[in-house]
N, C-alpha and C. Protein backbone atom coordinates (compact mmCIF):
# COMPACT_ATOMS: atom_id res chain seq x y z
N UNK A 1 97.96 89.27 111.52
CA UNK A 1 97.38 90.24 110.69
C UNK A 1 99.11 90.60 110.37
N UNK A 2 99.07 90.88 108.42
CA UNK A 2 100.68 91.31 107.96
C UNK A 2 100.73 92.53 108.67
N UNK A 3 101.67 92.95 109.30
CA UNK A 3 102.20 94.46 109.49
C UNK A 3 103.55 94.82 108.85
N UNK A 4 103.60 95.93 108.99
CA UNK A 4 104.98 96.63 108.50
C UNK A 4 105.54 96.98 109.51
N UNK A 5 107.04 96.94 109.59
CA UNK A 5 108.35 96.89 110.76
C UNK A 5 109.14 98.09 110.38
N UNK A 6 108.66 99.20 111.39
CA UNK A 6 109.47 100.17 111.15
C UNK A 6 110.21 100.77 112.33
N UNK A 7 111.78 101.66 112.25
CA UNK A 7 112.55 101.59 112.89
C UNK A 7 113.07 103.18 112.95
N UNK A 8 114.19 103.31 113.84
CA UNK A 8 114.71 104.50 113.05
C UNK A 8 114.32 105.83 114.00
N UNK A 9 113.07 105.62 114.58
CA UNK A 9 112.68 106.66 115.17
C UNK A 9 113.59 107.79 116.85
N UNK A 10 113.18 108.73 116.75
CA UNK A 10 113.92 109.14 118.38
C UNK A 10 113.85 110.62 118.56
N UNK A 11 114.58 110.95 119.35
CA UNK A 11 114.89 112.30 119.82
C UNK A 11 116.04 113.12 119.18
N UNK A 12 115.70 114.26 118.89
CA UNK A 12 116.88 114.94 118.07
C UNK A 12 116.79 116.41 118.29
N UNK A 13 118.11 117.40 118.41
CA UNK A 13 117.80 118.57 118.39
C UNK A 13 117.28 119.43 117.22
N UNK A 14 116.91 120.37 116.97
CA UNK A 14 116.46 121.27 115.86
C UNK A 14 118.02 121.35 115.24
N UNK A 15 117.41 120.87 113.84
CA UNK A 15 118.90 120.79 112.87
C UNK A 15 119.41 119.85 112.92
N UNK A 16 119.03 118.78 113.51
CA UNK A 16 119.86 117.44 113.17
C UNK A 16 118.99 116.30 112.31
N UNK A 17 119.47 115.34 112.28
CA UNK A 17 119.28 114.35 111.10
C UNK A 17 118.39 113.07 112.08
N UNK A 18 117.77 112.04 111.39
CA UNK A 18 117.37 110.80 111.53
C UNK A 18 116.99 110.12 110.02
N UNK A 19 117.47 108.74 110.27
CA UNK A 19 117.08 107.84 109.16
C UNK A 19 115.94 107.04 109.55
N UNK A 20 114.98 106.76 108.77
CA UNK A 20 113.53 105.97 109.01
C UNK A 20 113.90 104.80 108.17
N UNK A 21 113.48 103.72 108.65
CA UNK A 21 113.73 102.42 107.79
C UNK A 21 112.14 101.80 108.07
N UNK A 22 111.91 101.24 106.79
CA UNK A 22 110.70 100.10 107.29
C UNK A 22 110.74 98.65 106.03
N UNK A 23 110.66 97.80 106.70
CA UNK A 23 110.27 96.78 106.05
C UNK A 23 109.20 95.61 105.81
N UNK A 24 108.57 95.61 104.83
CA UNK A 24 107.08 94.98 104.49
C UNK A 24 107.76 93.35 104.39
N UNK A 25 107.07 92.27 105.07
CA UNK A 25 107.40 91.08 104.70
C UNK A 25 107.43 90.40 103.84
N UNK A 26 107.86 89.77 103.06
CA UNK A 26 107.48 89.04 101.56
C UNK A 26 106.04 88.63 101.56
N UNK A 27 105.75 88.09 102.32
CA UNK A 27 103.89 87.98 102.15
C UNK A 27 103.12 88.45 101.33
N UNK A 28 103.26 90.18 101.50
CA UNK A 28 102.96 90.73 100.70
C UNK A 28 103.58 90.93 99.37
N UNK A 29 103.03 90.77 98.30
CA UNK A 29 103.47 90.74 97.19
C UNK A 29 102.97 92.11 96.38
N UNK A 30 103.34 92.44 94.93
CA UNK A 30 102.72 93.01 94.09
C UNK A 30 102.43 94.43 94.68
N UNK A 31 103.57 94.99 95.28
CA UNK A 31 103.52 96.47 95.99
C UNK A 31 103.58 97.27 94.91
N UNK A 32 103.12 98.65 94.50
CA UNK A 32 103.26 99.21 93.63
C UNK A 32 103.42 100.54 93.63
N UNK A 33 103.29 100.92 95.53
CA UNK A 33 103.94 102.28 96.01
C UNK A 33 104.27 101.97 97.90
N UNK A 34 105.14 102.63 98.33
CA UNK A 34 105.66 102.73 99.52
C UNK A 34 106.20 103.88 100.02
N UNK A 35 105.42 104.36 101.40
CA UNK A 35 105.78 105.98 101.51
C UNK A 35 105.15 106.40 103.22
N UNK A 36 105.49 107.16 103.70
CA UNK A 36 105.78 107.49 104.86
C UNK A 36 104.62 108.51 104.98
N UNK A 37 103.72 108.80 106.43
CA UNK A 37 102.98 109.36 106.80
C UNK A 37 103.00 110.01 108.22
N UNK A 38 102.49 111.04 108.74
CA UNK A 38 103.14 111.13 110.06
C UNK A 38 101.81 112.06 110.78
N UNK A 39 101.45 111.84 111.77
CA UNK A 39 100.48 112.05 112.50
C UNK A 39 100.80 113.04 113.89
N UNK A 40 100.63 113.88 114.20
CA UNK A 40 101.25 114.79 115.06
C UNK A 40 99.98 115.13 116.21
N UNK A 41 99.74 115.31 117.77
CA UNK A 41 99.07 115.28 118.53
C UNK A 41 98.03 116.67 117.72
N UNK A 42 96.63 115.98 118.32
CA UNK A 42 95.46 116.66 117.70
C UNK A 42 95.36 117.15 115.69
N UNK A 43 95.93 116.41 114.90
CA UNK A 43 95.90 116.78 114.13
C UNK A 43 96.06 115.48 113.16
N UNK A 44 95.43 115.65 112.40
CA UNK A 44 95.06 114.44 110.96
C UNK A 44 96.16 113.94 110.16
N UNK A 45 96.13 112.70 110.22
CA UNK A 45 97.82 112.27 109.73
C UNK A 45 97.97 112.99 108.24
N UNK A 46 98.83 112.97 107.83
CA UNK A 46 99.02 113.66 106.81
C UNK A 46 100.62 112.54 105.82
N UNK A 47 100.52 112.78 104.06
CA UNK A 47 101.39 112.58 103.57
C UNK A 47 102.70 112.76 103.94
N UNK A 48 103.94 112.25 104.11
CA UNK A 48 105.07 112.89 104.14
C UNK A 48 105.66 112.80 102.76
N UNK A 49 105.99 111.43 102.13
CA UNK A 49 106.82 111.26 100.66
C UNK A 49 106.07 109.98 100.32
N UNK A 50 105.68 109.39 99.51
CA UNK A 50 105.89 108.43 98.39
C UNK A 50 106.51 108.11 97.19
N UNK A 51 106.79 106.82 97.58
CA UNK A 51 107.99 106.03 96.27
C UNK A 51 107.14 105.45 95.49
N UNK A 52 106.23 105.31 94.24
CA UNK A 52 105.80 104.48 93.57
C UNK A 52 106.67 104.15 92.57
N UNK A 53 106.09 102.92 91.69
CA UNK A 53 106.80 102.52 90.95
C UNK A 53 106.97 103.18 89.76
N UNK A 54 107.87 102.75 88.85
CA UNK A 54 108.27 103.52 87.59
C UNK A 54 109.03 104.81 88.27
N UNK A 55 109.86 104.89 89.26
CA UNK A 55 110.36 106.65 89.63
C UNK A 55 109.63 107.56 90.03
N UNK A 56 108.49 107.12 90.21
CA UNK A 56 107.47 108.27 90.54
C UNK A 56 108.00 108.27 92.18
N UNK A 57 108.14 110.05 92.36
CA UNK A 57 108.26 110.18 94.14
C UNK A 57 107.17 111.34 94.61
N UNK A 58 106.64 111.96 95.33
CA UNK A 58 105.98 112.79 95.80
C UNK A 58 106.22 113.51 97.65
N UNK A 59 106.58 114.55 97.10
CA UNK A 59 106.94 114.77 98.40
C UNK A 59 106.05 116.02 99.42
N UNK A 60 105.26 116.15 100.34
CA UNK A 60 104.75 117.03 101.12
C UNK A 60 105.49 118.39 101.07
N UNK A 61 105.05 119.31 100.73
CA UNK A 61 105.67 120.77 100.42
C UNK A 61 106.20 121.14 101.82
N UNK A 62 106.00 120.84 102.66
CA UNK A 62 107.04 121.03 104.06
C UNK A 62 108.04 120.63 104.59
N UNK A 63 107.94 119.63 103.57
CA UNK A 63 109.82 118.51 103.91
C UNK A 63 110.52 118.72 102.65
N UNK A 64 109.85 119.31 101.68
CA UNK A 64 110.64 119.17 100.78
C UNK A 64 111.99 120.12 100.33
N UNK A 65 113.34 119.27 100.23
CA UNK A 65 114.55 119.83 100.14
C UNK A 65 115.10 119.46 101.41
N UNK A 66 114.39 119.07 102.11
CA UNK A 66 114.82 118.41 104.02
C UNK A 66 114.64 117.23 103.77
N UNK A 67 113.70 116.44 103.26
CA UNK A 67 113.56 114.85 103.25
C UNK A 67 113.86 114.06 102.05
N UNK A 68 114.51 112.87 102.01
CA UNK A 68 114.58 112.12 100.88
C UNK A 68 114.14 110.80 101.04
N UNK A 69 113.58 110.43 100.28
CA UNK A 69 112.80 108.80 100.37
C UNK A 69 113.48 108.31 99.15
N UNK A 70 113.74 106.84 99.80
CA UNK A 70 114.36 105.93 98.68
C UNK A 70 113.64 104.43 98.88
N UNK A 71 113.57 103.73 98.36
CA UNK A 71 113.34 102.07 98.07
C UNK A 71 113.91 101.65 97.49
N UNK A 72 113.78 99.69 98.07
CA UNK A 72 114.50 98.95 97.28
C UNK A 72 113.32 98.26 96.99
N UNK A 73 112.93 97.69 95.97
CA UNK A 73 111.80 97.08 95.76
C UNK A 73 111.91 95.59 95.93
N UNK A 74 113.48 94.94 95.52
CA UNK A 74 113.80 93.69 95.94
C UNK A 74 113.87 93.24 97.16
N UNK A 75 113.77 94.24 98.20
CA UNK A 75 113.58 93.85 99.50
C UNK A 75 112.69 94.65 99.98
N UNK A 76 111.41 94.84 99.38
CA UNK A 76 110.48 95.37 100.10
C UNK A 76 110.65 96.70 101.42
N UNK A 77 111.85 97.27 100.84
CA UNK A 77 111.90 98.00 102.01
C UNK A 77 111.61 99.70 101.36
N UNK A 78 111.57 100.44 102.71
CA UNK A 78 111.66 101.93 101.99
C UNK A 78 112.02 102.85 103.23
N UNK A 79 112.70 103.81 102.94
CA UNK A 79 113.87 104.66 104.03
C UNK A 79 112.99 106.35 104.11
N UNK A 80 113.13 106.88 104.86
CA UNK A 80 113.40 108.19 104.87
C UNK A 80 114.28 108.89 105.65
N UNK A 81 115.28 109.71 104.99
CA UNK A 81 116.20 110.51 105.37
C UNK A 81 115.82 111.84 105.42
N UNK A 82 115.73 112.30 106.84
CA UNK A 82 115.38 113.64 107.38
C UNK A 82 116.38 114.33 107.82
N UNK A 83 116.52 115.79 107.12
CA UNK A 83 117.77 116.38 107.36
C UNK A 83 116.76 117.69 107.96
N UNK A 84 117.74 118.40 108.65
CA UNK A 84 117.60 119.94 109.04
C UNK A 84 116.08 119.89 109.58
N UNK A 85 115.73 118.83 110.09
CA UNK A 85 114.79 118.91 111.18
C UNK A 85 114.35 119.90 112.06
N UNK A 86 112.96 120.02 112.17
CA UNK A 86 112.29 121.21 112.94
C UNK A 86 111.43 120.86 114.02
N UNK A 87 111.02 121.74 115.04
CA UNK A 87 110.13 120.87 115.92
C UNK A 87 108.85 120.62 115.48
N UNK A 88 108.28 121.34 114.48
CA UNK A 88 107.14 120.95 113.92
C UNK A 88 107.33 119.42 113.37
N UNK A 89 108.38 118.86 112.78
CA UNK A 89 108.29 117.77 112.68
C UNK A 89 108.26 116.64 113.76
N UNK A 90 107.78 117.12 114.62
CA UNK A 90 107.57 116.20 115.62
C UNK A 90 106.19 115.58 115.37
N UNK A 91 106.24 114.04 115.42
CA UNK A 91 105.14 113.24 115.12
C UNK A 91 105.16 111.83 115.23
N UNK A 92 104.36 110.98 115.17
CA UNK A 92 104.46 110.02 114.97
C UNK A 92 104.62 109.14 113.53
N UNK A 93 105.57 108.65 112.88
CA UNK A 93 105.73 108.37 111.37
C UNK A 93 105.38 106.98 111.22
N UNK A 94 104.48 107.04 110.25
CA UNK A 94 104.11 105.67 110.01
C UNK A 94 104.39 105.04 108.26
N UNK A 95 104.63 103.99 108.43
CA UNK A 95 105.14 103.31 107.01
C UNK A 95 103.89 102.73 106.79
N UNK A 96 103.59 103.04 104.97
CA UNK A 96 102.77 102.26 104.20
C UNK A 96 103.30 101.78 102.99
N UNK A 97 102.60 100.33 102.27
CA UNK A 97 102.33 100.01 101.59
C UNK A 97 101.29 99.68 101.03
N UNK A 98 101.24 99.92 99.86
CA UNK A 98 100.06 99.66 98.51
C UNK A 98 100.48 98.65 98.09
N UNK A 99 99.77 97.65 97.96
CA UNK A 99 99.57 96.33 97.26
C UNK A 99 98.32 96.02 96.46
N UNK A 100 98.44 96.16 95.35
CA UNK A 100 96.51 96.82 94.52
C UNK A 100 95.67 97.20 94.79
N UNK A 101 96.09 98.33 95.39
CA UNK A 101 95.00 98.96 96.14
C UNK A 101 94.62 98.46 97.77
N UNK A 102 95.30 97.32 98.10
CA UNK A 102 95.11 97.31 99.49
C UNK A 102 96.24 97.65 100.37
N UNK A 103 95.58 98.51 101.22
CA UNK A 103 96.79 99.29 102.08
C UNK A 103 97.52 98.78 103.50
N UNK A 104 98.74 98.41 103.64
CA UNK A 104 99.64 97.89 104.99
C UNK A 104 100.00 98.64 105.43
N UNK A 105 100.02 98.94 106.96
CA UNK A 105 100.34 100.07 107.90
C UNK A 105 101.27 99.14 108.95
N UNK A 106 102.52 99.94 109.46
CA UNK A 106 103.56 99.96 110.27
C UNK A 106 102.51 100.57 111.84
N UNK A 107 102.89 99.73 112.63
CA UNK A 107 102.60 100.58 114.06
C UNK A 107 102.71 102.35 114.58
N UNK A 108 104.09 102.55 113.92
CA UNK A 108 104.51 103.97 114.20
C UNK A 108 105.71 103.75 114.70
N UNK A 109 106.94 105.09 114.38
CA UNK A 109 107.66 105.35 115.18
C UNK A 109 108.05 106.71 115.81
N UNK A 110 107.88 107.12 116.74
CA UNK A 110 108.06 108.30 117.68
C UNK A 110 109.36 109.04 116.93
N UNK A 111 109.10 110.47 116.30
CA UNK A 111 110.02 111.11 115.86
C UNK A 111 109.66 112.27 116.97
N UNK A 112 110.75 113.07 117.56
CA UNK A 112 110.62 114.59 118.45
C UNK A 112 111.91 115.26 118.50
N UNK A 113 111.36 116.41 117.72
CA UNK A 113 112.52 117.52 117.76
C UNK A 113 112.48 118.27 118.90
N UNK A 114 113.64 118.78 119.37
CA UNK A 114 113.50 119.51 120.59
C UNK A 114 114.17 120.87 120.06
N UNK A 115 113.88 122.10 120.62
CA UNK A 115 113.93 123.42 120.03
C UNK A 115 115.44 123.57 121.09
């Protein structure tokens, strides 16, 4: 099965920064959006940020002003710059790619923010 490859998670103190990266293999074509989701223990998976084609970007209210998503369409990659991290940002972060309605996911990368 084809899977996305994520990296960049780790342990950081509150107020610090991390940068997540995700790459989709070239075998996945016609991608119309790439984004990031996260899931904390005991909670539902939630959308963090999505970069669609034609420059459309969506952020969750909880991360607006702190996180920035960027995308390189030619390289099938997406990034998430996370600044001013809070303990409540602690979660497994998953990369997603939408190819004509078919969704692909990574295994997830753990982000832990200590107080």
